[in-house]
Amino acid sequence: MNNQRRNVLKTGTGAAVLGALAAAGIIKPGIALADWNKAAFEAKSMADTLKALGATQPADSKDVQVTGPDIAENGAVVPVGVTSAIPGTTMMAILIEKNPNALAASFVLPAGTEANVQTRVKMGQTSNVYALVKAGDKFFLATKEIKVTLGGCGG
């Protein structure tokens, strides 16, 4: 099955099908960027990022968790996840306090979606990693410190 899919893509048939679907208006490339918050991604400080996201005073919550390694030996690809047990979670964001731009990722969750996201982020140094969750009109925050080692020696 995978070989068939590869062969279709190699021959250009896949591109033709995608082009036809786009021309018919069935798929729309701009949809994925509809909720992109430029101001939040360009903000330099945690306070400015929270303000741009509309989360001026998020509450700490034990129902939100940040997952990731205690020590990351390669700061270029640090696995980080966020889970929320708060009903009605509609947005999750990952913020890294000491990165040049605090907002690393933002996810909009459609109704009925499990509130669990996983991604990889880049971290230049040891920092607190924050999970920001929106449920209803309220924002909730959780944190985890992730240490980044230089040279990958684990120390």
N, C-alpha and C. Protein backbone atom coordinates (compact mmCIF):
# COMPACT_ATOMS: atom_id res chain seq x y z
N MET A 1 0.83 -1.19 0.00
CA MET A 1 0.00 0.00 0.00
C MET A 1 0.87 1.25 0.00
N ASN A 2 1.92 1.29 0.86
CA ASN A 2 2.79 2.46 0.89
C ASN A 2 3.51 2.65 -0.43
N ASN A 3 3.91 1.54 -1.08
CA ASN A 3 4.59 1.66 -2.36
C ASN A 3 3.64 2.23 -3.41
N GLN A 4 2.38 1.86 -3.37
CA GLN A 4 1.41 2.40 -4.32
C GLN A 4 1.27 3.91 -4.14
N ARG A 5 1.20 4.33 -2.90
CA ARG A 5 1.06 5.76 -2.60
C ARG A 5 2.28 6.52 -3.10
N ARG A 6 3.47 5.95 -2.87
CA ARG A 6 4.70 6.59 -3.33
C ARG A 6 4.73 6.70 -4.85
N ASN A 7 4.34 5.61 -5.51
CA ASN A 7 4.35 5.62 -6.97
C ASN A 7 3.38 6.66 -7.52
N VAL A 8 2.22 6.81 -6.91
CA VAL A 8 1.26 7.82 -7.36
C VAL A 8 1.86 9.21 -7.21
N LEU A 9 2.51 9.46 -6.08
CA LEU A 9 3.10 10.77 -5.86
C LEU A 9 4.28 11.02 -6.80
N LYS A 10 5.09 9.96 -7.08
CA LYS A 10 6.23 10.10 -7.98
C LYS A 10 5.79 10.44 -9.40
N THR A 11 4.73 9.84 -9.85
CA THR A 11 4.28 10.06 -11.23
C THR A 11 3.61 11.41 -11.42
N GLY A 12 3.29 12.09 -10.35
CA GLY A 12 2.64 13.38 -10.48
C GLY A 12 1.12 13.29 -10.44
N THR A 13 0.59 12.07 -10.43
CA THR A 13 -0.85 11.90 -10.38
C THR A 13 -1.41 12.51 -9.10
N GLY A 14 -0.69 12.31 -8.00
CA GLY A 14 -1.13 12.85 -6.70
C GLY A 14 -1.24 14.36 -6.73
N ALA A 15 -0.24 15.01 -7.35
CA ALA A 15 -0.27 16.47 -7.45
C ALA A 15 -1.44 16.93 -8.32
N ALA A 16 -1.71 16.17 -9.38
CA ALA A 16 -2.83 16.53 -10.26
C ALA A 16 -4.16 16.42 -9.52
N VAL A 17 -4.30 15.38 -8.71
CA VAL A 17 -5.53 15.18 -7.94
C VAL A 17 -5.70 16.31 -6.93
N LEU A 18 -4.62 16.64 -6.21
CA LEU A 18 -4.68 17.74 -5.24
C LEU A 18 -5.01 19.06 -5.92
N GLY A 19 -4.41 19.28 -7.09
CA GLY A 19 -4.70 20.50 -7.85
C GLY A 19 -6.15 20.58 -8.26
N ALA A 20 -6.71 19.45 -8.70
CA ALA A 20 -8.11 19.42 -9.11
C ALA A 20 -9.04 19.67 -7.92
N LEU A 21 -8.71 19.09 -6.77
CA LEU A 21 -9.52 19.31 -5.57
C LEU A 21 -9.47 20.78 -5.14
N ALA A 22 -8.29 21.39 -5.23
CA ALA A 22 -8.15 22.80 -4.87
C ALA A 22 -8.93 23.68 -5.85
N ALA A 23 -8.84 23.35 -7.14
CA ALA A 23 -9.55 24.14 -8.15
C ALA A 23 -11.07 24.04 -7.97
N ALA A 24 -11.53 22.89 -7.51
CA ALA A 24 -12.96 22.70 -7.29
C ALA A 24 -13.43 23.33 -5.98
N GLY A 25 -12.48 23.81 -5.18
CA GLY A 25 -12.86 24.45 -3.91
C GLY A 25 -13.10 23.46 -2.79
N ILE A 26 -12.74 22.19 -3.01
CA ILE A 26 -12.96 21.17 -1.98
C ILE A 26 -11.93 21.30 -0.87
N ILE A 27 -10.68 21.56 -1.25
CA ILE A 27 -9.65 21.83 -0.24
C ILE A 27 -9.18 23.26 -0.42
N LYS A 28 -8.87 23.90 0.69
CA LYS A 28 -8.47 25.30 0.64
C LYS A 28 -7.17 25.47 1.42
N PRO A 29 -6.08 25.79 0.74
CA PRO A 29 -4.79 25.88 1.41
C PRO A 29 -4.71 26.92 2.52
N GLY A 30 -5.49 27.97 2.46
CA GLY A 30 -5.42 29.03 3.46
C GLY A 30 -6.08 28.69 4.78
N ILE A 31 -6.84 27.63 4.84
CA ILE A 31 -7.57 27.29 6.07
C ILE A 31 -6.64 27.06 7.24
N ALA A 32 -5.50 26.43 7.01
CA ALA A 32 -4.59 26.09 8.10
C ALA A 32 -4.03 27.34 8.79
N LEU A 33 -3.97 28.46 8.12
CA LEU A 33 -3.41 29.67 8.70
C LEU A 33 -4.47 30.61 9.26
N ALA A 34 -5.70 30.21 9.25
CA ALA A 34 -6.80 31.10 9.63
C ALA A 34 -6.67 31.60 11.07
N ASP A 35 -6.15 30.80 11.98
CA ASP A 35 -6.08 31.18 13.38
C ASP A 35 -4.68 31.59 13.82
N TRP A 36 -3.80 31.89 12.87
CA TRP A 36 -2.43 32.25 13.20
C TRP A 36 -2.41 33.62 13.85
N ASN A 37 -1.79 33.72 15.01
CA ASN A 37 -1.72 34.97 15.76
C ASN A 37 -0.31 35.53 15.63
N LYS A 38 -0.10 36.37 14.65
CA LYS A 38 1.22 36.92 14.35
C LYS A 38 1.82 37.65 15.55
N ALA A 39 1.03 38.48 16.22
CA ALA A 39 1.52 39.24 17.37
C ALA A 39 2.02 38.34 18.48
N ALA A 40 1.31 37.24 18.73
CA ALA A 40 1.72 36.31 19.79
C ALA A 40 3.02 35.61 19.43
N PHE A 41 3.17 35.20 18.17
CA PHE A 41 4.40 34.50 17.77
C PHE A 41 5.60 35.44 17.69
N GLU A 42 5.37 36.73 17.50
CA GLU A 42 6.48 37.68 17.43
C GLU A 42 6.82 38.31 18.77
N ALA A 43 5.99 38.11 19.78
CA ALA A 43 6.23 38.71 21.11
C ALA A 43 7.52 38.14 21.70
N LYS A 44 8.26 39.00 22.35
CA LYS A 44 9.56 38.60 22.92
C LYS A 44 9.47 38.11 24.37
N SER A 45 8.59 38.70 25.16
CA SER A 45 8.51 38.34 26.58
C SER A 45 7.28 37.48 26.85
N MET A 46 7.31 36.81 27.98
CA MET A 46 6.16 36.00 28.40
C MET A 46 4.93 36.88 28.57
N ALA A 47 5.09 38.04 29.21
CA ALA A 47 3.95 38.93 29.47
C ALA A 47 3.32 39.40 28.16
N ASP A 48 4.16 39.78 27.19
CA ASP A 48 3.64 40.24 25.90
C ASP A 48 2.94 39.11 25.14
N THR A 49 3.49 37.91 25.25
CA THR A 49 2.89 36.75 24.58
C THR A 49 1.53 36.44 25.19
N LEU A 50 1.46 36.40 26.52
CA LEU A 50 0.18 36.14 27.18
C LEU A 50 -0.86 37.21 26.82
N LYS A 51 -0.42 38.46 26.76
CA LYS A 51 -1.32 39.55 26.41
C LYS A 51 -1.85 39.37 24.98
N ALA A 52 -0.97 39.02 24.06
CA ALA A 52 -1.36 38.84 22.65
C ALA A 52 -2.32 37.66 22.49
N LEU A 53 -2.21 36.68 23.37
CA LEU A 53 -3.12 35.52 23.33
C LEU A 53 -4.43 35.79 24.08
N GLY A 54 -4.50 36.92 24.78
CA GLY A 54 -5.71 37.26 25.53
C GLY A 54 -5.74 36.67 26.93
N ALA A 55 -4.60 36.18 27.39
CA ALA A 55 -4.51 35.52 28.70
C ALA A 55 -3.78 36.43 29.68
N THR A 56 -4.41 37.50 30.11
CA THR A 56 -3.74 38.46 30.97
C THR A 56 -3.47 37.92 32.38
N GLN A 57 -4.37 37.08 32.91
CA GLN A 57 -4.15 36.52 34.25
C GLN A 57 -4.56 35.05 34.29
N PRO A 58 -3.74 34.18 33.68
CA PRO A 58 -4.09 32.75 33.72
C PRO A 58 -3.93 32.19 35.12
N ALA A 59 -4.78 31.24 35.46
CA ALA A 59 -4.72 30.59 36.78
C ALA A 59 -3.90 29.32 36.69
N ASP A 60 -3.14 29.02 37.73
CA ASP A 60 -2.42 27.74 37.79
C ASP A 60 -3.45 26.63 37.91
N SER A 61 -3.16 25.49 37.27
CA SER A 61 -4.11 24.38 37.32
C SER A 61 -3.39 23.05 37.38
N LYS A 62 -3.87 22.19 38.27
CA LYS A 62 -3.35 20.82 38.35
C LYS A 62 -3.96 19.94 37.27
N ASP A 63 -4.99 20.46 36.58
CA ASP A 63 -5.63 19.71 35.50
C ASP A 63 -4.93 19.89 34.17
N VAL A 64 -3.88 20.71 34.14
CA VAL A 64 -3.06 20.91 32.94
C VAL A 64 -1.67 20.41 33.25
N GLN A 65 -1.09 19.65 32.32
CA GLN A 65 0.25 19.11 32.55
C GLN A 65 1.14 19.34 31.33
N VAL A 66 2.39 19.67 31.61
CA VAL A 66 3.42 19.76 30.59
C VAL A 66 4.26 18.49 30.70
N THR A 67 4.47 17.82 29.59
CA THR A 67 5.33 16.64 29.59
C THR A 67 6.56 16.93 28.75
N GLY A 68 7.66 16.36 29.16
CA GLY A 68 8.92 16.53 28.45
C GLY A 68 10.03 15.94 29.29
N PRO A 69 11.21 15.85 28.74
CA PRO A 69 12.32 15.27 29.51
C PRO A 69 12.79 16.23 30.61
N ASP A 70 13.31 15.69 31.68
CA ASP A 70 13.91 16.55 32.70
C ASP A 70 15.18 17.19 32.16
N ILE A 71 15.93 16.39 31.36
CA ILE A 71 17.16 16.88 30.73
C ILE A 71 17.08 16.58 29.24
N ALA A 72 17.25 17.60 28.42
CA ALA A 72 17.27 17.44 26.97
C ALA A 72 18.72 17.53 26.50
N GLU A 73 19.19 16.46 25.89
CA GLU A 73 20.58 16.46 25.44
C GLU A 73 20.76 17.14 24.09
N ASN A 74 19.66 17.37 23.39
CA ASN A 74 19.74 18.08 22.11
C ASN A 74 18.65 19.15 22.11
N GLY A 75 19.03 20.38 22.34
CA GLY A 75 18.07 21.48 22.43
C GLY A 75 17.37 21.78 21.12
N ALA A 76 17.85 21.22 20.01
CA ALA A 76 17.24 21.48 18.71
C ALA A 76 15.94 20.71 18.52
N VAL A 77 15.77 19.61 19.23
CA VAL A 77 14.56 18.78 19.09
C VAL A 77 14.13 18.24 20.45
N VAL A 78 13.46 19.07 21.21
CA VAL A 78 13.01 18.69 22.55
C VAL A 78 11.53 18.28 22.47
N PRO A 79 11.22 17.01 22.80
CA PRO A 79 9.81 16.59 22.76
C PRO A 79 9.04 17.18 23.94
N VAL A 80 7.94 17.86 23.63
CA VAL A 80 7.12 18.50 24.66
C VAL A 80 5.66 18.19 24.35
N GLY A 81 4.90 17.94 25.41
CA GLY A 81 3.47 17.68 25.24
C GLY A 81 2.66 18.45 26.27
N VAL A 82 1.39 18.62 25.95
CA VAL A 82 0.46 19.28 26.87
C VAL A 82 -0.81 18.43 26.91
N THR A 83 -1.30 18.18 28.12
CA THR A 83 -2.59 17.51 28.29
C THR A 83 -3.45 18.36 29.23
N SER A 84 -4.75 18.33 28.97
CA SER A 84 -5.68 19.08 29.81
C SER A 84 -6.87 18.19 30.14
N ALA A 85 -7.22 18.17 31.42
CA ALA A 85 -8.40 17.45 31.87
C ALA A 85 -9.56 18.42 32.10
N ILE A 86 -9.40 19.66 31.66
CA ILE A 86 -10.44 20.67 31.84
C ILE A 86 -11.46 20.52 30.71
N PRO A 87 -12.71 20.29 31.04
CA PRO A 87 -13.73 20.14 29.99
C PRO A 87 -13.85 21.41 29.13
N GLY A 88 -14.06 21.21 27.85
CA GLY A 88 -14.25 22.34 26.95
C GLY A 88 -12.97 23.05 26.55
N THR A 89 -11.83 22.36 26.63
CA THR A 89 -10.56 22.96 26.22
C THR A 89 -10.59 23.23 24.72
N THR A 90 -10.33 24.47 24.32
CA THR A 90 -10.39 24.84 22.91
C THR A 90 -9.06 25.31 22.33
N MET A 91 -8.08 25.59 23.20
CA MET A 91 -6.79 26.06 22.72
C MET A 91 -5.70 25.61 23.67
N MET A 92 -4.55 25.25 23.10
CA MET A 92 -3.38 24.90 23.89
C MET A 92 -2.18 25.59 23.26
N ALA A 93 -1.28 26.10 24.09
CA ALA A 93 -0.07 26.75 23.58
C ALA A 93 1.12 26.32 24.43
N ILE A 94 2.28 26.28 23.79
CA ILE A 94 3.53 25.95 24.48
C ILE A 94 4.40 27.19 24.43
N LEU A 95 4.81 27.66 25.60
CA LEU A 95 5.65 28.85 25.71
C LEU A 95 6.95 28.49 26.39
N ILE A 96 8.05 29.02 25.88
CA ILE A 96 9.37 28.74 26.45
C ILE A 96 9.96 30.07 26.90
N GLU A 97 10.09 30.20 28.21
CA GLU A 97 10.43 31.47 28.84
C GLU A 97 11.71 32.11 28.29
N LYS A 98 12.76 31.35 28.09
CA LYS A 98 14.05 31.93 27.72
C LYS A 98 14.36 31.87 26.22
N ASN A 99 13.40 31.47 25.41
CA ASN A 99 13.61 31.53 23.96
C ASN A 99 13.47 32.97 23.49
N PRO A 100 14.07 33.32 22.35
CA PRO A 100 13.94 34.69 21.84
C PRO A 100 12.47 35.10 21.62
N ASN A 101 11.65 34.18 21.17
CA ASN A 101 10.20 34.37 21.05
C ASN A 101 9.57 33.32 21.95
N ALA A 102 8.81 33.74 22.93
CA ALA A 102 8.29 32.81 23.94
C ALA A 102 7.34 31.77 23.38
N LEU A 103 6.48 32.13 22.42
CA LEU A 103 5.48 31.19 21.91
C LEU A 103 6.13 30.23 20.92
N ALA A 104 6.15 28.96 21.28
CA ALA A 104 6.74 27.94 20.41
C ALA A 104 5.70 27.26 19.54
N ALA A 105 4.49 27.07 20.07
CA ALA A 105 3.43 26.39 19.32
C ALA A 105 2.08 26.76 19.89
N SER A 106 1.08 26.77 19.02
CA SER A 106 -0.29 27.05 19.44
C SER A 106 -1.23 26.14 18.66
N PHE A 107 -2.19 25.55 19.36
CA PHE A 107 -3.11 24.59 18.75
C PHE A 107 -4.54 24.98 19.07
N VAL A 108 -5.40 25.01 18.07
CA VAL A 108 -6.83 25.23 18.25
C VAL A 108 -7.49 23.87 18.18
N LEU A 109 -8.27 23.53 19.21
CA LEU A 109 -8.89 22.21 19.28
C LEU A 109 -10.38 22.31 18.96
N PRO A 110 -10.83 21.62 17.93
CA PRO A 110 -12.27 21.60 17.64
C PRO A 110 -13.04 20.89 18.77
N ALA A 111 -14.31 21.20 18.90
CA ALA A 111 -15.15 20.57 19.93
C ALA A 111 -15.09 19.06 19.79
N GLY A 112 -14.98 18.38 20.91
CA GLY A 112 -14.95 16.93 20.93
C GLY A 112 -13.56 16.33 20.75
N THR A 113 -12.54 17.17 20.59
CA THR A 113 -11.18 16.69 20.42
C THR A 113 -10.53 16.43 21.77
N GLU A 114 -9.78 15.34 21.86
CA GLU A 114 -9.04 15.05 23.08
C GLU A 114 -7.99 16.13 23.29
N ALA A 115 -7.92 16.69 24.47
CA ALA A 115 -7.01 17.79 24.77
C ALA A 115 -5.63 17.25 25.11
N ASN A 116 -4.92 16.82 24.08
CA ASN A 116 -3.60 16.23 24.23
C ASN A 116 -2.81 16.52 22.96
N VAL A 117 -1.74 17.29 23.06
CA VAL A 117 -0.90 17.58 21.90
C VAL A 117 0.55 17.24 22.22
N GLN A 118 1.29 16.86 21.20
CA GLN A 118 2.70 16.52 21.32
C GLN A 118 3.43 17.16 20.14
N THR A 119 4.59 17.73 20.40
CA THR A 119 5.40 18.30 19.32
C THR A 119 6.86 18.32 19.77
N ARG A 120 7.70 18.84 18.93
CA ARG A 120 9.11 19.05 19.27
C ARG A 120 9.40 20.53 19.14
N VAL A 121 10.15 21.06 20.08
CA VAL A 121 10.48 22.48 20.09
C VAL A 121 11.98 22.65 20.16
N LYS A 122 12.42 23.84 19.83
CA LYS A 122 13.84 24.17 19.92
C LYS A 122 14.05 25.01 21.16
N MET A 123 15.04 24.65 21.96
CA MET A 123 15.37 25.39 23.17
C MET A 123 16.86 25.71 23.15
N GLY A 124 17.19 26.98 23.29
CA GLY A 124 18.59 27.38 23.28
C GLY A 124 19.29 27.18 24.61
N GLN A 125 18.51 27.07 25.69
CA GLN A 125 19.09 26.93 27.02
C GLN A 125 18.05 26.38 27.99
N THR A 126 18.49 26.03 29.17
CA THR A 126 17.59 25.57 30.22
C THR A 126 16.54 26.64 30.47
N SER A 127 15.27 26.19 30.57
CA SER A 127 14.18 27.16 30.71
C SER A 127 12.94 26.50 31.29
N ASN A 128 12.06 27.34 31.82
CA ASN A 128 10.72 26.87 32.17
C ASN A 128 9.91 26.78 30.89
N VAL A 129 9.17 25.69 30.75
CA VAL A 129 8.28 25.49 29.62
C VAL A 129 6.86 25.57 30.18
N TYR A 130 6.03 26.41 29.58
CA TYR A 130 4.68 26.63 30.07
C TYR A 130 3.66 26.06 29.10
N ALA A 131 2.62 25.49 29.67
CA ALA A 131 1.46 25.08 28.89
C ALA A 131 0.34 26.04 29.23
N LEU A 132 -0.20 26.70 28.21
CA LEU A 132 -1.32 27.60 28.38
C LEU A 132 -2.53 26.95 27.74
N VAL A 133 -3.62 26.86 28.49
CA VAL A 133 -4.83 26.20 28.01
C VAL A 133 -6.00 27.16 28.15
N LYS A 134 -6.84 27.20 27.12
CA LYS A 134 -8.06 28.01 27.19
C LYS A 134 -9.25 27.07 27.20
N ALA A 135 -10.13 27.28 28.17
CA ALA A 135 -11.39 26.52 28.28
C ALA A 135 -12.47 27.54 28.60
N GLY A 136 -13.44 27.65 27.73
CA GLY A 136 -14.45 28.70 27.90
C GLY A 136 -13.79 30.04 27.72
N ASP A 137 -14.00 30.95 28.66
CA ASP A 137 -13.36 32.27 28.61
C ASP A 137 -12.18 32.37 29.57
N LYS A 138 -11.75 31.25 30.13
CA LYS A 138 -10.69 31.26 31.13
C LYS A 138 -9.42 30.61 30.59
N PHE A 139 -8.28 31.07 31.12
CA PHE A 139 -6.98 30.52 30.76
C PHE A 139 -6.34 29.87 31.98
N PHE A 140 -5.63 28.78 31.73
CA PHE A 140 -4.97 28.02 32.80
C PHE A 140 -3.53 27.76 32.38
N LEU A 141 -2.65 27.65 33.38
CA LEU A 141 -1.22 27.55 33.13
C LEU A 141 -0.60 26.44 33.96
N ALA A 142 0.36 25.74 33.35
CA ALA A 142 1.17 24.75 34.07
C ALA A 142 2.61 24.94 33.60
N THR A 143 3.57 24.50 34.39
CA THR A 143 4.98 24.71 34.04
C THR A 143 5.84 23.50 34.36
N LYS A 144 6.94 23.39 33.63
CA LYS A 144 7.93 22.35 33.88
C LYS A 144 9.28 22.90 33.45
N GLU A 145 10.30 22.73 34.28
CA GLU A 145 11.63 23.14 33.89
C GLU A 145 12.28 22.01 33.10
N ILE A 146 12.85 22.37 31.97
CA ILE A 146 13.60 21.40 31.16
C ILE A 146 15.02 21.93 31.04
N LYS A 147 15.97 21.11 31.45
CA LYS A 147 17.37 21.48 31.40
C LYS A 147 17.95 21.05 30.05
N VAL A 148 18.65 21.96 29.42
CA VAL A 148 19.30 21.67 28.14
C VAL A 148 20.81 21.60 28.39
N THR A 149 21.39 20.47 28.01
CA THR A 149 22.83 20.30 28.20
C THR A 149 23.55 20.72 26.93
N LEU A 150 24.75 21.20 27.08
CA LEU A 150 25.57 21.59 25.95
C LEU A 150 26.46 20.41 25.57
N GLY A 151 26.49 20.07 24.33
CA GLY A 151 27.36 18.99 23.87
C GLY A 151 26.75 17.62 24.04
N GLY A 152 25.55 17.50 24.58
CA GLY A 152 24.89 16.21 24.69
C GLY A 152 25.53 15.23 25.64
N CYS A 153 26.22 15.72 26.67
CA CYS A 153 26.90 14.82 27.60
C CYS A 153 26.03 14.42 28.77
N GLY A 154 24.85 14.98 28.89
CA GLY A 154 23.93 14.62 29.97
C GLY A 154 24.30 15.19 31.31
N GLY A 155 25.23 16.12 31.40
CA GLY A 155 25.64 16.62 32.68
C GLY A 155 25.44 18.04 32.94
